[in-house]
Amino acid sequence: MPPLIVTLGSFSLFRGLAEALTRGVDNFTNFPRSFLFLGQGYLLGVIPAQLPLFALVALTVWLLVQRTVVGRAYRAIGFSPEGARYAGIPVGNRLALAYVFAGLVSALAAIVYVARVGQAKADAGTGYELLAITAVVLGGTSIFGGTGTVHGTLLGVLVLATMKTGLTLSDQPSELAGILSGALLLFVLSGEALLRKVSARRAIYSSASV
C-alpha cells in the first residue's frame, strides 16, 4: 500500500479516536512550570529551550542519513526497493525502523508543541501535516523517494517560517498561509513531475540514437 496514504489514513483514525475519547471538547491545561519551560522558557535568557533539542534531532538525522550504512540503505530503497532487496538490504526491517524513528520524533514534537501552547486538545496541530510535507518537498526531497538532504529540509522549514512570520507582520489573514503552502506544494510537485518526464524522454532519445 502507498505509505503516504496509509500514514494519512492512520492519522485520521487516531485523531478520530482522540476526539471520541475527549468528546471533542476536553482541553487539558495546568501543566507544571517545569514542563512548560520546554516550550516557553529560554536558556541564558536568549536561547529558546527547545532549540538545543531541535539541533540535536537534526544532527542525529544528518549523521544517520549521511554517515552510516543504514542511511545509504535508505537512499537505495528510495531509488528502487526491489533493487535494494536484490542487493541484500533488509528492506522491510529498514522501513519499520524508519517509521518507528519518525513516530518518536513526532511524539517529541507533540510534547514541545503542548509545552509551547500550554494546552492539549484532540484537534491540536491541525494542518501541520501539510506544512511538514511542504517543507520537505521545498527542501529538495523527492516525493517519489531516493533524493533529499537534511539541510535542504531545514531550508524548507526556514522558508515556511519566514513566510508565516511575514504574513503575520503584514497583518494578512491567517488562512493565507495555508493557501500559499498548498500552492507551493503543488507547484514544486508539478515541477518535479515535469523534470522526471523530460529526463525520461531524454533517456529514450539517447538510447535510440545509440
N, C-alpha and C. Protein backbone atom coordinates (compact mmCIF):
# COMPACT_ATOMS: atom_id res chain seq x y z
N MET A 1 0.85 -1.19 0.00
CA MET A 1 0.00 0.00 0.00
C MET A 1 0.88 1.24 0.00
N PRO A 2 0.44 2.32 -0.66
CA PRO A 2 1.24 3.56 -0.68
C PRO A 2 1.45 4.09 0.74
N PRO A 3 2.70 4.29 1.15
CA PRO A 3 2.97 4.72 2.53
C PRO A 3 2.26 6.03 2.90
N LEU A 4 2.22 6.99 1.97
CA LEU A 4 1.61 8.27 2.29
C LEU A 4 0.11 8.11 2.59
N ILE A 5 -0.56 7.26 1.82
CA ILE A 5 -1.98 7.04 2.04
C ILE A 5 -2.22 6.35 3.38
N VAL A 6 -1.39 5.36 3.70
CA VAL A 6 -1.52 4.66 4.98
C VAL A 6 -1.28 5.62 6.14
N THR A 7 -0.28 6.49 5.98
CA THR A 7 0.03 7.46 7.03
C THR A 7 -1.14 8.41 7.27
N LEU A 8 -1.70 8.96 6.20
CA LEU A 8 -2.83 9.88 6.34
C LEU A 8 -4.06 9.16 6.89
N GLY A 9 -4.26 7.90 6.47
CA GLY A 9 -5.39 7.14 7.00
C GLY A 9 -5.24 6.87 8.49
N SER A 10 -4.03 6.50 8.92
CA SER A 10 -3.77 6.26 10.34
C SER A 10 -3.93 7.55 11.14
N PHE A 11 -3.45 8.64 10.55
CA PHE A 11 -3.59 9.95 11.19
C PHE A 11 -5.07 10.27 11.45
N SER A 12 -5.90 10.07 10.45
CA SER A 12 -7.33 10.33 10.60
C SER A 12 -7.96 9.39 11.62
N LEU A 13 -7.54 8.12 11.62
CA LEU A 13 -8.07 7.14 12.56
C LEU A 13 -7.78 7.53 14.00
N PHE A 14 -6.53 7.84 14.31
CA PHE A 14 -6.16 8.13 15.69
C PHE A 14 -6.67 9.50 16.15
N ARG A 15 -6.76 10.45 15.23
CA ARG A 15 -7.36 11.73 15.61
C ARG A 15 -8.84 11.53 15.95
N GLY A 16 -9.52 10.69 15.16
CA GLY A 16 -10.92 10.40 15.46
C GLY A 16 -11.09 9.73 16.81
N LEU A 17 -10.18 8.79 17.14
CA LEU A 17 -10.23 8.14 18.44
C LEU A 17 -10.00 9.15 19.57
N ALA A 18 -9.05 10.07 19.36
CA ALA A 18 -8.77 11.09 20.38
C ALA A 18 -9.98 11.99 20.60
N GLU A 19 -10.63 12.36 19.51
CA GLU A 19 -11.81 13.21 19.64
C GLU A 19 -12.96 12.47 20.31
N ALA A 20 -13.06 11.16 20.05
CA ALA A 20 -14.11 10.37 20.70
C ALA A 20 -13.86 10.25 22.20
N LEU A 21 -12.60 10.02 22.59
CA LEU A 21 -12.27 9.86 24.00
C LEU A 21 -12.44 11.16 24.78
N THR A 22 -12.19 12.29 24.11
CA THR A 22 -12.30 13.58 24.79
C THR A 22 -13.60 14.31 24.47
N ARG A 23 -14.47 13.63 23.73
CA ARG A 23 -15.75 14.19 23.29
C ARG A 23 -15.56 15.46 22.45
N GLY A 24 -14.35 15.69 21.99
CA GLY A 24 -14.05 16.82 21.11
C GLY A 24 -14.03 18.17 21.80
N VAL A 25 -14.22 18.20 23.12
CA VAL A 25 -14.29 19.48 23.83
C VAL A 25 -13.32 19.56 25.00
N ASP A 26 -12.86 18.42 25.51
CA ASP A 26 -11.96 18.45 26.67
C ASP A 26 -10.64 19.13 26.30
N ASN A 27 -10.22 20.02 27.19
CA ASN A 27 -8.99 20.78 27.00
C ASN A 27 -8.13 20.63 28.25
N PHE A 28 -6.96 20.02 28.11
CA PHE A 28 -6.11 19.74 29.27
C PHE A 28 -5.09 20.86 29.45
N THR A 29 -5.10 21.45 30.63
CA THR A 29 -4.20 22.56 30.94
C THR A 29 -3.57 22.33 32.32
N ASN A 30 -3.10 23.42 32.93
CA ASN A 30 -2.49 23.38 34.28
C ASN A 30 -1.30 22.43 34.34
N PHE A 31 -0.45 22.50 33.32
CA PHE A 31 0.77 21.71 33.32
C PHE A 31 1.79 22.35 34.27
N PRO A 32 2.69 21.56 34.85
CA PRO A 32 3.70 22.13 35.76
C PRO A 32 4.63 23.09 35.02
N ARG A 33 5.15 24.04 35.76
CA ARG A 33 6.02 25.06 35.18
C ARG A 33 7.28 24.45 34.55
N SER A 34 7.78 23.37 35.16
CA SER A 34 8.97 22.73 34.62
C SER A 34 8.71 22.15 33.23
N PHE A 35 7.48 21.68 32.98
CA PHE A 35 7.13 21.15 31.66
C PHE A 35 6.95 22.28 30.66
N LEU A 36 6.28 23.35 31.06
CA LEU A 36 6.06 24.49 30.17
C LEU A 36 7.36 25.17 29.76
N PHE A 37 8.38 25.05 30.60
CA PHE A 37 9.67 25.66 30.27
C PHE A 37 10.23 25.13 28.96
N LEU A 38 9.94 23.86 28.65
CA LEU A 38 10.45 23.25 27.43
C LEU A 38 9.96 23.99 26.19
N GLY A 39 8.76 24.54 26.24
CA GLY A 39 8.22 25.24 25.07
C GLY A 39 8.21 26.74 25.19
N GLN A 40 8.30 27.26 26.41
CA GLN A 40 8.17 28.71 26.60
C GLN A 40 9.40 29.35 27.24
N GLY A 41 10.30 28.55 27.78
CA GLY A 41 11.44 29.10 28.50
C GLY A 41 12.61 29.44 27.61
N TYR A 42 13.62 30.07 28.20
CA TYR A 42 14.84 30.48 27.48
C TYR A 42 16.06 30.08 28.31
N LEU A 43 17.06 29.57 27.63
CA LEU A 43 18.33 29.26 28.27
C LEU A 43 19.24 30.48 28.19
N LEU A 44 19.84 30.85 29.30
CA LEU A 44 20.72 32.03 29.38
C LEU A 44 19.97 33.29 29.00
N GLY A 45 18.66 33.24 29.02
CA GLY A 45 17.84 34.41 28.75
C GLY A 45 17.62 34.74 27.29
N VAL A 46 18.30 34.02 26.35
CA VAL A 46 18.18 34.37 24.94
C VAL A 46 17.92 33.17 24.03
N ILE A 47 18.28 31.98 24.46
CA ILE A 47 18.17 30.78 23.61
C ILE A 47 16.87 30.05 23.95
N PRO A 48 15.96 29.89 23.00
CA PRO A 48 14.73 29.12 23.26
C PRO A 48 15.06 27.72 23.77
N ALA A 49 14.34 27.27 24.77
CA ALA A 49 14.66 25.99 25.41
C ALA A 49 14.55 24.82 24.45
N GLN A 50 13.69 24.94 23.44
CA GLN A 50 13.52 23.82 22.51
C GLN A 50 14.56 23.81 21.39
N LEU A 51 15.35 24.88 21.25
CA LEU A 51 16.33 24.96 20.17
C LEU A 51 17.43 23.89 20.28
N PRO A 52 18.04 23.67 21.45
CA PRO A 52 19.05 22.60 21.54
C PRO A 52 18.47 21.23 21.20
N LEU A 53 17.22 20.99 21.58
CA LEU A 53 16.57 19.72 21.27
C LEU A 53 16.38 19.58 19.76
N PHE A 54 15.96 20.66 19.11
CA PHE A 54 15.79 20.67 17.66
C PHE A 54 17.13 20.40 16.96
N ALA A 55 18.18 21.07 17.43
CA ALA A 55 19.50 20.89 16.83
C ALA A 55 20.00 19.46 17.02
N LEU A 56 19.73 18.87 18.19
CA LEU A 56 20.17 17.51 18.46
C LEU A 56 19.49 16.51 17.52
N VAL A 57 18.18 16.68 17.32
CA VAL A 57 17.45 15.79 16.42
C VAL A 57 17.94 15.95 14.99
N ALA A 58 18.12 17.21 14.55
CA ALA A 58 18.59 17.46 13.18
C ALA A 58 19.97 16.85 12.96
N LEU A 59 20.87 17.00 13.94
CA LEU A 59 22.22 16.44 13.82
C LEU A 59 22.17 14.92 13.80
N THR A 60 21.32 14.33 14.62
CA THR A 60 21.20 12.87 14.66
C THR A 60 20.73 12.33 13.32
N VAL A 61 19.71 12.98 12.75
CA VAL A 61 19.19 12.53 11.45
C VAL A 61 20.24 12.71 10.36
N TRP A 62 20.98 13.83 10.41
CA TRP A 62 22.02 14.07 9.40
C TRP A 62 23.10 13.00 9.47
N LEU A 63 23.54 12.68 10.68
CA LEU A 63 24.56 11.64 10.84
C LEU A 63 24.04 10.29 10.36
N LEU A 64 22.77 10.01 10.66
CA LEU A 64 22.18 8.73 10.24
C LEU A 64 22.11 8.63 8.73
N VAL A 65 21.68 9.71 8.07
CA VAL A 65 21.47 9.67 6.62
C VAL A 65 22.78 9.76 5.85
N GLN A 66 23.70 10.61 6.31
CA GLN A 66 24.91 10.91 5.55
C GLN A 66 26.14 10.11 5.94
N ARG A 67 26.17 9.55 7.13
CA ARG A 67 27.42 8.97 7.62
C ARG A 67 27.28 7.51 8.07
N THR A 68 26.19 6.86 7.76
CA THR A 68 26.04 5.47 8.18
C THR A 68 25.60 4.60 7.02
N VAL A 69 25.85 3.30 7.17
CA VAL A 69 25.41 2.34 6.16
C VAL A 69 23.89 2.30 6.08
N VAL A 70 23.23 2.47 7.22
CA VAL A 70 21.77 2.48 7.25
C VAL A 70 21.22 3.63 6.40
N GLY A 71 21.85 4.80 6.50
CA GLY A 71 21.41 5.94 5.71
C GLY A 71 21.55 5.70 4.22
N ARG A 72 22.66 5.09 3.81
CA ARG A 72 22.83 4.77 2.39
C ARG A 72 21.82 3.72 1.94
N ALA A 73 21.46 2.83 2.85
CA ALA A 73 20.44 1.83 2.52
C ALA A 73 19.09 2.51 2.26
N TYR A 74 18.77 3.53 3.04
CA TYR A 74 17.51 4.24 2.82
C TYR A 74 17.49 4.94 1.46
N ARG A 75 18.61 5.49 1.07
CA ARG A 75 18.69 6.14 -0.23
C ARG A 75 18.49 5.10 -1.36
N ALA A 76 19.09 3.93 -1.18
CA ALA A 76 18.93 2.87 -2.17
C ALA A 76 17.48 2.39 -2.23
N ILE A 77 16.85 2.27 -1.07
CA ILE A 77 15.45 1.85 -1.04
C ILE A 77 14.56 2.89 -1.72
N GLY A 78 14.89 4.15 -1.53
CA GLY A 78 14.11 5.21 -2.18
C GLY A 78 14.21 5.16 -3.69
N PHE A 79 15.40 4.86 -4.19
CA PHE A 79 15.58 4.75 -5.64
C PHE A 79 14.84 3.54 -6.21
N SER A 80 15.01 2.40 -5.54
CA SER A 80 14.40 1.16 -6.05
C SER A 80 14.32 0.14 -4.93
N PRO A 81 13.15 -0.07 -4.34
CA PRO A 81 13.03 -1.08 -3.28
C PRO A 81 13.41 -2.47 -3.74
N GLU A 82 13.02 -2.81 -4.96
CA GLU A 82 13.34 -4.15 -5.47
C GLU A 82 14.85 -4.30 -5.68
N GLY A 83 15.47 -3.26 -6.24
CA GLY A 83 16.91 -3.30 -6.43
C GLY A 83 17.65 -3.42 -5.11
N ALA A 84 17.17 -2.67 -4.09
CA ALA A 84 17.80 -2.74 -2.77
C ALA A 84 17.64 -4.13 -2.17
N ARG A 85 16.49 -4.75 -2.41
CA ARG A 85 16.26 -6.10 -1.89
C ARG A 85 17.20 -7.11 -2.54
N TYR A 86 17.41 -6.97 -3.84
CA TYR A 86 18.33 -7.86 -4.54
C TYR A 86 19.78 -7.63 -4.10
N ALA A 87 20.06 -6.40 -3.61
CA ALA A 87 21.41 -6.09 -3.13
C ALA A 87 21.66 -6.60 -1.72
N GLY A 88 20.67 -7.24 -1.12
CA GLY A 88 20.84 -7.81 0.20
C GLY A 88 20.41 -6.91 1.34
N ILE A 89 19.76 -5.80 1.04
CA ILE A 89 19.30 -4.88 2.10
C ILE A 89 17.96 -5.38 2.64
N PRO A 90 17.83 -5.51 3.97
CA PRO A 90 16.55 -5.93 4.55
C PRO A 90 15.53 -4.78 4.50
N VAL A 91 14.87 -4.65 3.37
CA VAL A 91 14.00 -3.50 3.12
C VAL A 91 12.91 -3.38 4.17
N GLY A 92 12.24 -4.49 4.50
CA GLY A 92 11.16 -4.44 5.48
C GLY A 92 11.62 -3.94 6.83
N ASN A 93 12.75 -4.46 7.31
CA ASN A 93 13.28 -4.04 8.60
C ASN A 93 13.70 -2.58 8.60
N ARG A 94 14.32 -2.13 7.51
CA ARG A 94 14.76 -0.74 7.43
C ARG A 94 13.56 0.21 7.42
N LEU A 95 12.52 -0.15 6.69
CA LEU A 95 11.34 0.70 6.64
C LEU A 95 10.64 0.74 8.00
N ALA A 96 10.56 -0.39 8.67
CA ALA A 96 9.96 -0.43 10.00
C ALA A 96 10.73 0.47 10.96
N LEU A 97 12.07 0.42 10.89
CA LEU A 97 12.90 1.28 11.74
C LEU A 97 12.66 2.75 11.44
N ALA A 98 12.49 3.08 10.16
CA ALA A 98 12.23 4.47 9.77
C ALA A 98 10.90 4.96 10.34
N TYR A 99 9.89 4.11 10.28
CA TYR A 99 8.58 4.51 10.82
C TYR A 99 8.61 4.66 12.33
N VAL A 100 9.33 3.79 13.01
CA VAL A 100 9.46 3.90 14.47
C VAL A 100 10.17 5.20 14.85
N PHE A 101 11.26 5.49 14.15
CA PHE A 101 12.00 6.72 14.43
C PHE A 101 11.15 7.96 14.14
N ALA A 102 10.41 7.93 13.03
CA ALA A 102 9.53 9.05 12.69
C ALA A 102 8.46 9.23 13.76
N GLY A 103 7.93 8.11 14.28
CA GLY A 103 6.93 8.20 15.34
C GLY A 103 7.49 8.81 16.61
N LEU A 104 8.73 8.44 16.96
CA LEU A 104 9.36 9.00 18.15
C LEU A 104 9.59 10.50 18.01
N VAL A 105 10.07 10.93 16.83
CA VAL A 105 10.31 12.35 16.60
C VAL A 105 8.99 13.13 16.59
N SER A 106 7.95 12.53 16.02
CA SER A 106 6.63 13.18 16.02
C SER A 106 6.10 13.33 17.44
N ALA A 107 6.28 12.30 18.26
CA ALA A 107 5.85 12.39 19.66
C ALA A 107 6.61 13.48 20.40
N LEU A 108 7.91 13.58 20.13
CA LEU A 108 8.73 14.62 20.75
C LEU A 108 8.25 16.00 20.33
N ALA A 109 7.93 16.16 19.03
CA ALA A 109 7.42 17.43 18.53
C ALA A 109 6.08 17.77 19.20
N ALA A 110 5.24 16.75 19.41
CA ALA A 110 3.95 16.99 20.06
C ALA A 110 4.13 17.46 21.50
N ILE A 111 5.10 16.89 22.21
CA ILE A 111 5.37 17.30 23.59
C ILE A 111 5.81 18.76 23.63
N VAL A 112 6.71 19.14 22.71
CA VAL A 112 7.18 20.52 22.65
C VAL A 112 6.03 21.46 22.30
N TYR A 113 5.16 21.02 21.38
CA TYR A 113 4.02 21.85 20.97
C TYR A 113 3.08 22.10 22.15
N VAL A 114 2.78 21.05 22.90
CA VAL A 114 1.89 21.20 24.06
C VAL A 114 2.53 22.12 25.10
N ALA A 115 3.83 21.97 25.30
CA ALA A 115 4.52 22.85 26.24
C ALA A 115 4.52 24.29 25.75
N ARG A 116 4.54 24.48 24.45
CA ARG A 116 4.57 25.82 23.88
C ARG A 116 3.23 26.53 24.07
N VAL A 117 2.12 25.85 23.75
CA VAL A 117 0.80 26.48 23.82
C VAL A 117 0.17 26.33 25.19
N GLY A 118 0.69 25.41 26.02
CA GLY A 118 0.18 25.26 27.38
C GLY A 118 -1.13 24.53 27.48
N GLN A 119 -1.54 23.83 26.44
CA GLN A 119 -2.78 23.08 26.48
C GLN A 119 -2.73 21.92 25.48
N ALA A 120 -3.54 20.91 25.73
CA ALA A 120 -3.60 19.75 24.85
C ALA A 120 -5.05 19.47 24.48
N LYS A 121 -5.31 19.41 23.17
CA LYS A 121 -6.65 19.11 22.65
C LYS A 121 -6.54 18.07 21.55
N ALA A 122 -7.65 17.40 21.29
CA ALA A 122 -7.65 16.34 20.28
C ALA A 122 -7.39 16.89 18.89
N ASP A 123 -7.78 18.14 18.63
CA ASP A 123 -7.61 18.72 17.29
C ASP A 123 -6.38 19.62 17.20
N ALA A 124 -5.46 19.52 18.16
CA ALA A 124 -4.25 20.35 18.12
C ALA A 124 -3.38 19.97 16.94
N GLY A 125 -2.73 20.96 16.35
CA GLY A 125 -1.81 20.69 15.25
C GLY A 125 -2.49 20.41 13.93
N THR A 126 -3.75 20.78 13.80
CA THR A 126 -4.45 20.54 12.54
C THR A 126 -3.77 21.30 11.40
N GLY A 127 -3.49 20.61 10.31
CA GLY A 127 -2.85 21.24 9.16
C GLY A 127 -1.34 21.16 9.18
N TYR A 128 -0.76 20.71 10.29
CA TYR A 128 0.70 20.64 10.36
C TYR A 128 1.27 19.57 9.44
N GLU A 129 0.46 18.55 9.13
CA GLU A 129 0.97 17.52 8.22
C GLU A 129 1.26 18.10 6.84
N LEU A 130 0.44 19.05 6.39
CA LEU A 130 0.68 19.71 5.11
C LEU A 130 1.95 20.55 5.16
N LEU A 131 2.16 21.25 6.27
CA LEU A 131 3.36 22.06 6.41
C LEU A 131 4.61 21.19 6.42
N ALA A 132 4.53 20.03 7.08
CA ALA A 132 5.69 19.13 7.13
C ALA A 132 6.04 18.62 5.73
N ILE A 133 5.03 18.19 4.98
CA ILE A 133 5.27 17.69 3.63
C ILE A 133 5.82 18.80 2.75
N THR A 134 5.24 19.99 2.86
CA THR A 134 5.68 21.11 2.04
C THR A 134 7.13 21.48 2.34
N ALA A 135 7.51 21.52 3.62
CA ALA A 135 8.88 21.87 3.99
C ALA A 135 9.87 20.87 3.42
N VAL A 136 9.53 19.58 3.49
CA VAL A 136 10.44 18.55 2.99
C VAL A 136 10.58 18.64 1.47
N VAL A 137 9.46 18.82 0.78
CA VAL A 137 9.50 18.90 -0.69
C VAL A 137 10.21 20.17 -1.15
N LEU A 138 9.96 21.28 -0.47
CA LEU A 138 10.65 22.52 -0.80
C LEU A 138 12.16 22.38 -0.62
N GLY A 139 12.56 21.54 0.34
CA GLY A 139 13.98 21.35 0.61
C GLY A 139 14.68 20.43 -0.38
N GLY A 140 13.95 19.95 -1.39
CA GLY A 140 14.58 19.15 -2.43
C GLY A 140 14.40 17.65 -2.30
N THR A 141 13.63 17.20 -1.32
CA THR A 141 13.37 15.77 -1.18
C THR A 141 12.30 15.37 -2.18
N SER A 142 12.57 14.32 -2.93
CA SER A 142 11.61 13.84 -3.92
C SER A 142 10.48 13.08 -3.26
N ILE A 143 9.26 13.39 -3.65
CA ILE A 143 8.11 12.68 -3.12
C ILE A 143 8.11 11.23 -3.59
N PHE A 144 8.87 10.96 -4.67
CA PHE A 144 8.97 9.60 -5.19
C PHE A 144 10.09 8.81 -4.52
N GLY A 145 10.90 9.47 -3.69
CA GLY A 145 11.97 8.79 -2.96
C GLY A 145 13.30 8.82 -3.67
N GLY A 146 14.37 8.55 -2.91
CA GLY A 146 15.70 8.42 -3.50
C GLY A 146 16.58 9.64 -3.39
N THR A 147 16.01 10.82 -3.22
CA THR A 147 16.82 12.04 -3.12
C THR A 147 16.30 12.90 -1.97
N GLY A 148 17.23 13.66 -1.39
CA GLY A 148 16.85 14.55 -0.30
C GLY A 148 17.98 14.70 0.70
N THR A 149 18.02 15.84 1.38
CA THR A 149 19.05 16.12 2.37
C THR A 149 18.41 16.75 3.60
N VAL A 150 19.09 16.63 4.73
CA VAL A 150 18.59 17.22 5.97
C VAL A 150 18.68 18.74 5.91
N HIS A 151 19.82 19.27 5.41
CA HIS A 151 19.94 20.73 5.36
C HIS A 151 18.94 21.33 4.38
N GLY A 152 18.57 20.59 3.33
CA GLY A 152 17.53 21.08 2.43
C GLY A 152 16.19 21.19 3.13
N THR A 153 15.87 20.19 3.95
CA THR A 153 14.62 20.23 4.71
C THR A 153 14.62 21.41 5.68
N LEU A 154 15.76 21.67 6.33
CA LEU A 154 15.85 22.81 7.24
C LEU A 154 15.63 24.12 6.50
N LEU A 155 16.14 24.22 5.28
CA LEU A 155 15.89 25.42 4.48
C LEU A 155 14.41 25.54 4.14
N GLY A 156 13.77 24.40 3.85
CA GLY A 156 12.33 24.42 3.59
C GLY A 156 11.54 24.91 4.79
N VAL A 157 11.93 24.45 5.98
CA VAL A 157 11.29 24.92 7.21
C VAL A 157 11.50 26.42 7.38
N LEU A 158 12.71 26.90 7.08
CA LEU A 158 13.02 28.32 7.21
C LEU A 158 12.17 29.16 6.26
N VAL A 159 11.97 28.66 5.03
CA VAL A 159 11.15 29.38 4.06
C VAL A 159 9.72 29.51 4.56
N LEU A 160 9.15 28.41 5.04
CA LEU A 160 7.76 28.45 5.52
C LEU A 160 7.62 29.33 6.76
N ALA A 161 8.61 29.26 7.68
CA ALA A 161 8.56 30.08 8.89
C ALA A 161 8.66 31.56 8.54
N THR A 162 9.54 31.88 7.57
CA THR A 162 9.67 33.28 7.14
C THR A 162 8.39 33.77 6.49
N MET A 163 7.78 32.93 5.66
CA MET A 163 6.53 33.31 5.01
C MET A 163 5.42 33.56 6.04
N LYS A 164 5.30 32.65 7.01
CA LYS A 164 4.26 32.80 8.02
C LYS A 164 4.49 34.04 8.87
N THR A 165 5.75 34.28 9.25
CA THR A 165 6.05 35.47 10.05
C THR A 165 5.78 36.74 9.26
N GLY A 166 6.16 36.74 7.97
CA GLY A 166 5.92 37.91 7.13
C GLY A 166 4.44 38.21 6.99
N LEU A 167 3.62 37.16 6.82
CA LEU A 167 2.18 37.37 6.70
C LEU A 167 1.59 37.92 7.99
N THR A 168 2.11 37.43 9.13
CA THR A 168 1.62 37.93 10.42
C THR A 168 1.98 39.39 10.63
N LEU A 169 3.24 39.74 10.32
CA LEU A 169 3.69 41.12 10.50
C LEU A 169 2.98 42.08 9.56
N SER A 170 2.59 41.59 8.38
CA SER A 170 1.88 42.45 7.42
C SER A 170 0.37 42.45 7.63
N ASP A 171 -0.06 41.80 8.74
CA ASP A 171 -1.47 41.79 9.12
C ASP A 171 -2.35 41.15 8.05
N GLN A 172 -1.87 40.06 7.48
CA GLN A 172 -2.65 39.31 6.50
C GLN A 172 -3.46 38.23 7.20
N PRO A 173 -4.55 37.77 6.59
CA PRO A 173 -5.37 36.70 7.21
C PRO A 173 -4.55 35.44 7.44
N SER A 174 -4.79 34.77 8.56
CA SER A 174 -4.03 33.57 8.89
C SER A 174 -4.29 32.44 7.88
N GLU A 175 -5.46 32.45 7.26
CA GLU A 175 -5.78 31.41 6.27
C GLU A 175 -4.89 31.49 5.04
N LEU A 176 -4.31 32.67 4.79
CA LEU A 176 -3.48 32.86 3.60
C LEU A 176 -2.23 31.98 3.65
N ALA A 177 -1.72 31.72 4.86
CA ALA A 177 -0.53 30.87 5.00
C ALA A 177 -0.82 29.47 4.48
N GLY A 178 -1.99 28.94 4.82
CA GLY A 178 -2.36 27.61 4.33
C GLY A 178 -2.54 27.58 2.82
N ILE A 179 -3.12 28.63 2.28
CA ILE A 179 -3.32 28.71 0.83
C ILE A 179 -1.98 28.73 0.11
N LEU A 180 -1.06 29.57 0.58
CA LEU A 180 0.25 29.67 -0.06
C LEU A 180 1.06 28.39 0.11
N SER A 181 0.94 27.73 1.26
CA SER A 181 1.66 26.48 1.47
C SER A 181 1.18 25.41 0.50
N GLY A 182 -0.15 25.31 0.33
CA GLY A 182 -0.70 24.35 -0.62
C GLY A 182 -0.29 24.66 -2.04
N ALA A 183 -0.28 25.95 -2.40
CA ALA A 183 0.12 26.34 -3.75
C ALA A 183 1.59 26.01 -3.99
N LEU A 184 2.45 26.27 -2.98
CA LEU A 184 3.87 25.94 -3.12
C LEU A 184 4.08 24.44 -3.31
N LEU A 185 3.33 23.64 -2.54
CA LEU A 185 3.47 22.19 -2.64
C LEU A 185 3.07 21.70 -4.03
N LEU A 186 1.96 22.20 -4.55
CA LEU A 186 1.51 21.79 -5.88
C LEU A 186 2.50 22.24 -6.95
N PHE A 187 3.05 23.44 -6.80
CA PHE A 187 4.00 23.96 -7.78
C PHE A 187 5.26 23.11 -7.81
N VAL A 188 5.80 22.78 -6.63
CA VAL A 188 7.03 22.00 -6.57
C VAL A 188 6.80 20.59 -7.09
N LEU A 189 5.69 19.97 -6.72
CA LEU A 189 5.40 18.62 -7.19
C LEU A 189 5.20 18.59 -8.71
N SER A 190 4.53 19.61 -9.24
CA SER A 190 4.34 19.68 -10.69
C SER A 190 5.67 19.85 -11.41
N GLY A 191 6.54 20.70 -10.86
CA GLY A 191 7.86 20.88 -11.45
C GLY A 191 8.69 19.61 -11.41
N GLU A 192 8.60 18.88 -10.29
CA GLU A 192 9.36 17.63 -10.18
C GLU A 192 8.85 16.60 -11.18
N ALA A 193 7.52 16.49 -11.31
CA ALA A 193 6.95 15.54 -12.27
C ALA A 193 7.36 15.89 -13.69
N LEU A 194 7.39 17.18 -14.00
CA LEU A 194 7.78 17.62 -15.34
C LEU A 194 9.25 17.28 -15.61
N LEU A 195 10.11 17.52 -14.62
CA LEU A 195 11.53 17.21 -14.80
C LEU A 195 11.76 15.72 -14.99
N ARG A 196 11.01 14.90 -14.25
CA ARG A 196 11.13 13.45 -14.41
C ARG A 196 10.70 13.02 -15.81
N LYS A 197 9.65 13.65 -16.31
CA LYS A 197 9.15 13.30 -17.65
C LYS A 197 10.17 13.70 -18.72
N VAL A 198 10.77 14.89 -18.57
CA VAL A 198 11.77 15.35 -19.53
C VAL A 198 13.00 14.44 -19.49
N SER A 199 13.42 14.06 -18.27
CA SER A 199 14.59 13.19 -18.14
C SER A 199 14.33 11.83 -18.78
N ALA A 200 13.12 11.31 -18.60
CA ALA A 200 12.78 10.02 -19.20
C ALA A 200 12.81 10.10 -20.72
N ARG A 201 12.30 11.18 -21.28
CA ARG A 201 12.31 11.35 -22.74
C ARG A 201 13.74 11.47 -23.26
N ARG A 202 14.58 12.21 -22.55
CA ARG A 202 15.97 12.33 -22.97
C ARG A 202 16.67 10.99 -22.95
N ALA A 203 16.37 10.18 -21.96
CA ALA A 203 16.99 8.85 -21.87
C ALA A 203 16.55 7.98 -23.05
N ILE A 204 15.26 8.09 -23.42
CA ILE A 204 14.76 7.31 -24.56
C ILE A 204 15.43 7.76 -25.86
N TYR A 205 15.54 9.07 -26.04
CA TYR A 205 16.18 9.60 -27.25
C TYR A 205 17.65 9.20 -27.32
N SER A 206 18.32 9.25 -26.15
CA SER A 206 19.74 8.86 -26.13
C SER A 206 19.93 7.41 -26.48
N SER A 207 19.04 6.54 -25.97
CA SER A 207 19.12 5.12 -26.27
C SER A 207 18.84 4.86 -27.76
N ALA A 208 17.87 5.62 -28.30
CA ALA A 208 17.53 5.42 -29.71
C ALA A 208 18.67 5.85 -30.62
N SER A 209 19.36 6.95 -30.24
CA SER A 209 20.45 7.44 -31.07
C SER A 209 21.65 6.52 -31.03
N VAL A 210 21.85 5.85 -29.89
CA VAL A 210 22.96 4.91 -29.78
C VAL A 210 22.68 3.65 -30.60
